C-alpha atoms as a PDB file:
ATOM      1  CA  MET A   1       7.572  25.398  70.599  1.00  0.00           C
ATOM      2  CA  ALA A   2       3.708  24.729  69.208  1.00  0.00           C
ATOM      3  CA  ALA A   3       4.419  27.298  66.987  1.00  0.00           C
ATOM      4  CA  LEU A   4       8.235  26.285  66.120  1.00  0.00           C
ATOM      5  CA  THR A   5       6.220  22.497  64.913  1.00  0.00           C
ATOM      6  CA  GLY A   6       3.405  24.805  63.141  1.00  0.00           C
ATOM      7  CA  ILE A   7       5.694  26.492  60.515  1.00  0.00           C
ATOM      8  CA  SER A   8       8.209  23.827  60.328  1.00  0.00           C
ATOM      9  CA  ALA A   9       5.088  21.977  59.134  1.00  0.00           C
ATOM     10  CA  SER A  10       4.409  24.255  56.923  1.00  0.00           C
ATOM     11  CA  THR A  11       7.488  24.618  55.417  1.00  0.00           C
ATOM     12  CA  GLU A  12       7.800  21.159  54.777  1.00  0.00           C
ATOM     13  CA  GLY A  13       3.804  20.784  53.159  1.00  0.00           C
ATOM     14  CA  SER A  14       5.114  24.302  50.533  1.00  0.00           C
ATOM     15  CA  GLU A  15       8.318  22.375  49.757  1.00  0.00           C
ATOM     16  CA  THR A  16       6.201  19.129  48.904  1.00  0.00           C
ATOM     17  CA  SER A  17       3.267  21.474  47.198  1.00  0.00           C
ATOM     18  CA  LEU A  18       6.599  23.076  45.310  1.00  0.00           C
ATOM     19  CA  LYS A  19       8.016  19.608  44.060  1.00  0.00           C
ATOM     20  CA  GLN A  20       4.495  18.554  43.390  1.00  0.00           C
ATOM     21  CA  LYS A  21       4.000  21.148  40.722  1.00  0.00           C
ATOM     22  CA  GLU A  22       7.898  20.762  39.382  1.00  0.00           C
ATOM     23  CA  LEU A  23       7.099  17.105  38.881  1.00  0.00           C
ATOM     24  CA  LYS A  24       3.541  17.899  37.001  1.00  0.00           C
ATOM     25  CA  LYS A  25       5.560  20.269  35.001  1.00  0.00           C
ATOM     26  CA  ALA A  26       8.132  18.055  33.985  1.00  0.00           C
ATOM     27  CA  CYS A  27       5.391  15.029  33.316  1.00  0.00           C
ATOM     28  CA  GLU A  28       3.997  17.608  31.219  1.00  0.00           C
ATOM     29  CA  GLU A  29       7.193  18.589  29.283  1.00  0.00           C
ATOM     30  CA  PHE A  30       8.192  14.856  29.179  1.00  0.00           C
ATOM     31  CA  GLU A  31       4.515  14.361  26.890  1.00  0.00           C
ATOM     32  CA  SER A  32       5.074  17.528  25.208  1.00  0.00           C
ATOM     33  CA  ILE A  33       8.714  15.715  23.792  1.00  0.00           C
ATOM     34  CA  ILE A  34       6.950  12.050  23.132  1.00  0.00           C
ATOM     35  CA  THR A  35       3.719  14.373  21.325  1.00  0.00           C
ATOM     36  CA  GLY A  36       6.775  15.937  19.488  1.00  0.00           C
ATOM     37  CA  TYR A  37       7.906  13.108  18.376  1.00  0.00           C
ATOM     38  CA  LEU A  38       4.899  11.561  17.414  1.00  0.00           C
ATOM     39  CA  LEU A  39       3.796  14.605  15.614  1.00  0.00           C
ATOM     40  CA  LYS A  40       7.004  14.878  13.328  1.00  0.00           C
ATOM     41  CA  SER A  41       6.734  10.907  12.598  1.00  0.00           C
ATOM     42  CA  MET A  42       3.022  11.646  10.845  1.00  0.00           C
ATOM     43  CA  ARG A  43       4.224  14.477   9.556  1.00  0.00           C
ATOM     44  CA  GLU A  44       7.050  11.883   7.539  1.00  0.00           C
ATOM     45  CA  THR A  45       4.365  10.025   6.351  1.00  0.00           C
ATOM     46  CA  VAL A  46       2.500  12.081   4.232  1.00  0.00           C
ATOM     47  CA  SER A  47       4.093  13.182   0.465  1.00  0.00           C
ATOM     48  CA  LYS A  48       4.516  16.787   0.615  1.00  0.00           C
ATOM     49  CA  ALA A  49       3.244  18.306  -2.519  1.00  0.00           C
ATOM     50  CA  ASP A  50       5.611  19.621  -5.306  1.00  0.00           C
ATOM     51  CA  ASN A  51       4.558  23.323  -5.426  1.00  0.00           C
ATOM     52  CA  GLY A  52       8.047  24.819  -4.892  1.00  0.00           C
ATOM     53  CA  GLU A  53       7.903  25.810  -1.371  1.00  0.00           C
ATOM     54  CA  ASP A  54      10.130  22.864  -0.188  1.00  0.00           C
ATOM     55  CA  GLY A  55      13.524  23.648   1.683  1.00  0.00           C
ATOM     56  CA  GLN A  56      14.784  24.500   5.171  1.00  0.00           C
ATOM     57  CA  ALA A  57      12.255  27.417   5.985  1.00  0.00           C
ATOM     58  CA  ARG A  58       9.366  25.549   5.284  1.00  0.00           C
ATOM     59  CA  ASP A  59      11.409  22.351   7.435  1.00  0.00           C
ATOM     60  CA  LEU A  60      11.814  24.940  10.336  1.00  0.00           C
ATOM     61  CA  TYR A  61       8.671  26.402   9.941  1.00  0.00           C
ATOM     62  CA  GLU A  62       6.748  22.689  10.268  1.00  0.00           C
ATOM     63  CA  SER A  63       9.030  22.147  13.134  1.00  0.00           C
ATOM     64  CA  MET A  64       7.960  24.764  15.353  1.00  0.00           C
ATOM     65  CA  LEU A  65       4.739  24.124  14.809  1.00  0.00           C
ATOM     66  CA  ASP A  66       4.677  20.568  15.753  1.00  0.00           C
ATOM     67  CA  GLU A  67       6.905  21.942  19.017  1.00  0.00           C
ATOM     68  CA  ALA A  68       3.833  23.975  19.733  1.00  0.00           C
ATOM     69  CA  LEU A  69       1.388  21.932  18.942  1.00  0.00           C
ATOM     70  CA  ALA A  70       2.995  19.498  21.184  1.00  0.00           C
ATOM     71  CA  LYS A  71       3.449  21.956  24.093  1.00  0.00           C
ATOM     72  CA  GLU A  72      -0.504  23.052  23.238  1.00  0.00           C
ATOM     73  CA  LEU A  73      -1.961  19.458  23.492  1.00  0.00           C
ATOM     74  CA  SER A  74       0.362  18.580  27.183  1.00  0.00           C
ATOM     75  CA  HIS A  75      -1.173  20.576  28.905  1.00  0.00           C
ATOM     76  CA  ARG A  76      -4.741  19.677  27.855  1.00  0.00           C
ATOM     77  CA  PRO A  77      -6.128  16.159  29.220  1.00  0.00           C
ATOM     78  CA  GLY A  78      -5.431  14.399  25.498  1.00  0.00           C
ATOM     79  CA  LEU A  79      -3.106  11.955  25.667  1.00  0.00           C
ATOM     80  CA  GLY A  80      -2.749  11.366  29.484  1.00  0.00           C
ATOM     81  CA  LEU A  81       0.674  10.249  29.029  1.00  0.00           C
ATOM     82  CA  ALA A  82       1.459  13.381  31.721  1.00  0.00           C
ATOM     83  CA  LYS A  83      -0.774  12.265  34.214  1.00  0.00           C
ATOM     84  CA  THR A  84      -0.189   9.111  34.134  1.00  0.00           C
ATOM     85  CA  LEU A  85       3.177   9.447  34.829  1.00  0.00           C
ATOM     86  CA  TYR A  86       3.275  12.139  37.708  1.00  0.00           C
ATOM     87  CA  LYS A  87       0.386   9.310  39.481  1.00  0.00           C
ATOM     88  CA  GLN A  88       3.257   6.855  39.033  1.00  0.00           C
ATOM     89  CA  LEU A  89       5.941   9.111  40.204  1.00  0.00           C
ATOM     90  CA  ALA A  90       3.922  11.007  43.362  1.00  0.00           C
ATOM     91  CA  PRO A  91       4.494   8.731  46.039  1.00  0.00           C
ATOM     92  CA  LEU A  92       8.188   8.682  45.240  1.00  0.00           C
ATOM     93  CA  LEU A  93       8.393  12.564  46.469  1.00  0.00           C
ATOM     94  CA  GLU A  94       6.569  11.617  49.843  1.00  0.00           C
ATOM     95  CA  GLY A  95       8.833   8.489  50.126  1.00  0.00           C
ATOM     96  CA  LYS A  96       6.418   5.722  49.598  1.00  0.00           C
ATOM     97  CA  LYS A  97       6.877   3.109  46.936  1.00  0.00           C
ATOM     98  CA  PRO A  98       5.294   3.261  43.371  1.00  0.00           C
ATOM     99  CA  ASP A  99       2.237   0.477  42.827  1.00  0.00           C
ATOM    100  CA  LEU A 100       4.595  -1.558  40.737  1.00  0.00           C
ATOM    101  CA  LYS A 101       1.301  -3.807  40.226  1.00  0.00           C
ATOM    102  CA  SER A 102      -0.723  -1.180  38.380  1.00  0.00           C
ATOM    103  CA  VAL A 103       2.279  -0.550  36.236  1.00  0.00           C
ATOM    104  CA  GLY A 104       2.583  -3.904  35.060  1.00  0.00           C
ATOM    105  CA  ALA A 105      -1.248  -4.332  34.163  1.00  0.00           C
ATOM    106  CA  SER A 106      -0.932  -1.061  32.501  1.00  0.00           C
ATOM    107  CA  ALA A 107       1.506  -2.149  29.976  1.00  0.00           C
ATOM    108  CA  ASP A 108       0.264  -5.861  29.790  1.00  0.00           C
ATOM    109  CA  LYS A 109      -3.297  -4.467  28.555  1.00  0.00           C
ATOM    110  CA  LEU A 110      -1.172  -2.605  26.496  1.00  0.00           C
ATOM    111  CA  SER A 111       0.767  -4.837  25.005  1.00  0.00           C
ATOM    112  CA  VAL A 112      -2.261  -7.179  24.713  1.00  0.00           C
ATOM    113  CA  GLY A 113      -3.870  -4.453  23.042  1.00  0.00           C
ATOM    114  CA  ILE A 114      -0.946  -3.916  20.303  1.00  0.00           C
ATOM    115  CA  LEU A 115      -0.848  -7.947  19.827  1.00  0.00           C
ATOM    116  CA  ASP A 116      -4.854  -8.184  19.309  1.00  0.00           C
ATOM    117  CA  GLN A 117      -4.268  -5.276  16.630  1.00  0.00           C
ATOM    118  CA  LYS A 118      -1.221  -6.792  15.021  1.00  0.00           C
ATOM    119  CA  GLN A 119      -3.582 -10.402  14.386  1.00  0.00           C
ATOM    120  CA  LYS A 120      -6.606  -8.705  12.618  1.00  0.00           C
ATOM    121  CA  LYS A 121      -4.321  -7.475  10.173  1.00  0.00           C
END
């Protein structure tokens, strides 16, 4: 009977590990999407050179470049959005409630920082 309990515990552990890997991948993909939008918005603010190379091909190339760069950045500790999302969502895999106080505190710090920057302008 003890052997069966060990097998079921190891199966549960591997399922949790698989779910954690899937969650981490999903968080990285989400960060990649957000980073892609950020890069696209940044690129739209820059005026393009009038060298005759405008067109659909250039737009497609820039779009693909932004997407590849966003994916690469999401696998690095740069923005930290994936890591933060993972920390907030991982307890849900174990059936625990997320720590909403820390989420609220982080949001409050972010909004205060944004307001301070606007007031300085």
